[in-house]
């Protein structure tokens, strides 16, 4: 996989490039930068929502799952419902 510098990706993302937003999320995930992932989700990056949901589900962090769902990543609601329903593991 080719890596690009964060500044270039940020510039592309600021111009509306969703793929660049996804790569920024991958970089943030690699650094375990949950705050940047949250910021990217707030910008509409669904890939960041997916990564955050995975983390929150693994930690069984119900509040974080609700926050992610409220930020617009619907799959977090599904994971939250499964955990609350007792079928999440």
C-alpha atoms as a PDB file:
ATOM      1  CA  UNK A   1       0.000   0.000   0.000  1.00  0.00           C
ATOM      2  CA  UNK A   2       1.332   3.399  -0.921  1.00  0.00           C
ATOM      3  CA  UNK A   3       1.462   5.899   1.902  1.00  0.00           C
ATOM      4  CA  UNK A   4       0.862   9.590   1.474  1.00  0.00           C
ATOM      5  CA  UNK A   5       1.698  12.358   3.851  1.00  0.00           C
ATOM      6  CA  UNK A   6      -1.061  13.486   6.150  1.00  0.00           C
ATOM      7  CA  UNK A   7      -1.000  17.079   4.898  1.00  0.00           C
ATOM      8  CA  UNK A   8      -1.674  16.019   1.299  1.00  0.00           C
ATOM      9  CA  UNK A   9      -4.492  13.749   2.387  1.00  0.00           C
ATOM     10  CA  UNK A  10      -5.938  16.525   4.557  1.00  0.00           C
ATOM     11  CA  UNK A  11      -5.855  18.966   1.635  1.00  0.00           C
ATOM     12  CA  UNK A  12      -7.655  16.463  -0.593  1.00  0.00           C
ATOM     13  CA  UNK A  13     -10.207  15.725   2.129  1.00  0.00           C
ATOM     14  CA  UNK A  14     -10.843  19.433   2.577  1.00  0.00           C
ATOM     15  CA  UNK A  15     -11.687  19.550  -1.133  1.00  0.00           C
ATOM     16  CA  UNK A  16     -14.297  16.838  -0.614  1.00  0.00           C
ATOM     17  CA  UNK A  17     -12.316  13.721  -1.499  1.00  0.00           C
ATOM     18  CA  UNK A  18     -13.939  10.918   0.538  1.00  0.00           C
ATOM     19  CA  UNK A  19     -11.178   8.443  -0.262  1.00  0.00           C
ATOM     20  CA  UNK A  20      -8.653  10.814   1.324  1.00  0.00           C
ATOM     21  CA  UNK A  21     -10.865  11.001   4.429  1.00  0.00           C
ATOM     22  CA  UNK A  22     -10.800   7.201   4.580  1.00  0.00           C
ATOM     23  CA  UNK A  23      -6.998   7.150   4.357  1.00  0.00           C
ATOM     24  CA  UNK A  24      -6.786   9.776   7.124  1.00  0.00           C
ATOM     25  CA  UNK A  25      -8.949   7.476   9.247  1.00  0.00           C
ATOM     26  CA  UNK A  26      -6.595   4.577   8.529  1.00  0.00           C
ATOM     27  CA  UNK A  27      -3.630   6.705   9.609  1.00  0.00           C
ATOM     28  CA  UNK A  28      -5.435   7.771  12.782  1.00  0.00           C
ATOM     29  CA  UNK A  29      -6.326   4.147  13.529  1.00  0.00           C
ATOM     30  CA  UNK A  30      -2.700   3.091  13.078  1.00  0.00           C
ATOM     31  CA  UNK A  31      -1.708   5.745  15.640  1.00  0.00           C
ATOM     32  CA  UNK A  32      -4.633   4.795  17.925  1.00  0.00           C
ATOM     33  CA  UNK A  33      -5.733   8.437  17.681  1.00  0.00           C
ATOM     34  CA  UNK A  34      -9.346   8.130  18.801  1.00  0.00           C
ATOM     35  CA  UNK A  35      -9.816  11.897  18.892  1.00  0.00           C
ATOM     36  CA  UNK A  36      -8.871  12.269  15.229  1.00  0.00           C
ATOM     37  CA  UNK A  37     -11.153   9.373  14.334  1.00  0.00           C
ATOM     38  CA  UNK A  38     -13.974  11.131  16.177  1.00  0.00           C
ATOM     39  CA  UNK A  39     -13.224  14.370  14.352  1.00  0.00           C
ATOM     40  CA  UNK A  40     -13.250  12.539  11.018  1.00  0.00           C
ATOM     41  CA  UNK A  41     -16.598  10.949  11.864  1.00  0.00           C
ATOM     42  CA  UNK A  42     -17.934  14.419  12.648  1.00  0.00           C
ATOM     43  CA  UNK A  43     -16.795  15.413   9.145  1.00  0.00           C
ATOM     44  CA  UNK A  44     -18.885  12.601   7.708  1.00  0.00           C
ATOM     45  CA  UNK A  45     -16.246   9.889   7.311  1.00  0.00           C
ATOM     46  CA  UNK A  46     -18.156   6.626   7.653  1.00  0.00           C
ATOM     47  CA  UNK A  47     -14.918   4.630   7.623  1.00  0.00           C
ATOM     48  CA  UNK A  48     -13.921   6.427  10.833  1.00  0.00           C
ATOM     49  CA  UNK A  49     -17.313   5.433  12.255  1.00  0.00           C
ATOM     50  CA  UNK A  50     -16.629   1.818  11.350  1.00  0.00           C
ATOM     51  CA  UNK A  51     -13.219   1.893  13.039  1.00  0.00           C
ATOM     52  CA  UNK A  52     -14.595   3.612  16.143  1.00  0.00           C
ATOM     53  CA  UNK A  53     -17.496   1.161  16.329  1.00  0.00           C
ATOM     54  CA  UNK A  54     -15.097  -1.768  16.206  1.00  0.00           C
ATOM     55  CA  UNK A  55     -13.082  -0.284  19.073  1.00  0.00           C
ATOM     56  CA  UNK A  56     -16.134   0.545  21.167  1.00  0.00           C
ATOM     57  CA  UNK A  57     -17.708  -2.877  20.603  1.00  0.00           C
ATOM     58  CA  UNK A  58     -14.492  -4.634  21.639  1.00  0.00           C
ATOM     59  CA  UNK A  59     -14.408  -2.528  24.799  1.00  0.00           C
ATOM     60  CA  UNK A  60     -18.187  -2.952  25.275  1.00  0.00           C
ATOM     61  CA  UNK A  61     -18.364   0.829  25.642  1.00  0.00           C
ATOM     62  CA  UNK A  62     -22.098   1.476  25.367  1.00  0.00           C
ATOM     63  CA  UNK A  63     -21.823   5.240  25.777  1.00  0.00           C
ATOM     64  CA  UNK A  64     -19.269   5.505  22.989  1.00  0.00           C
ATOM     65  CA  UNK A  65     -21.445   3.378  20.720  1.00  0.00           C
ATOM     66  CA  UNK A  66     -24.358   5.729  21.385  1.00  0.00           C
ATOM     67  CA  UNK A  67     -22.153   8.753  20.638  1.00  0.00           C
ATOM     68  CA  UNK A  68     -20.992   7.185  17.368  1.00  0.00           C
ATOM     69  CA  UNK A  69     -24.589   6.398  16.408  1.00  0.00           C
ATOM     70  CA  UNK A  70     -25.625   9.964  17.257  1.00  0.00           C
ATOM     71  CA  UNK A  71     -22.810  11.218  15.007  1.00  0.00           C
ATOM     72  CA  UNK A  72     -24.424   9.435  12.076  1.00  0.00           C
ATOM     73  CA  UNK A  73     -22.911   5.958  11.851  1.00  0.00           C
ATOM     74  CA  UNK A  74     -26.023   3.758  11.898  1.00  0.00           C
ATOM     75  CA  UNK A  75     -24.182   0.469  12.320  1.00  0.00           C
ATOM     76  CA  UNK A  76     -23.138   1.598  15.801  1.00  0.00           C
ATOM     77  CA  UNK A  77     -26.835   1.567  16.752  1.00  0.00           C
ATOM     78  CA  UNK A  78     -27.118  -2.015  15.552  1.00  0.00           C
ATOM     79  CA  UNK A  79     -24.084  -3.066  17.604  1.00  0.00           C
ATOM     80  CA  UNK A  80     -25.453  -1.208  20.634  1.00  0.00           C
ATOM     81  CA  UNK A  81     -28.833  -2.928  20.254  1.00  0.00           C
ATOM     82  CA  UNK A  82     -27.138  -6.326  20.037  1.00  0.00           C
ATOM     83  CA  UNK A  83     -25.096  -5.664  23.173  1.00  0.00           C
ATOM     84  CA  UNK A  84     -28.116  -4.377  25.105  1.00  0.00           C
ATOM     85  CA  UNK A  85     -30.187  -7.315  23.903  1.00  0.00           C
ATOM     86  CA  UNK A  86     -27.667  -9.789  25.205  1.00  0.00           C
ATOM     87  CA  UNK A  87     -26.870 -11.319  21.813  1.00  0.00           C
ATOM     88  CA  UNK A  88     -23.595  -9.431  21.401  1.00  0.00           C
ATOM     89  CA  UNK A  89     -21.346 -12.064  22.833  1.00  0.00           C
END
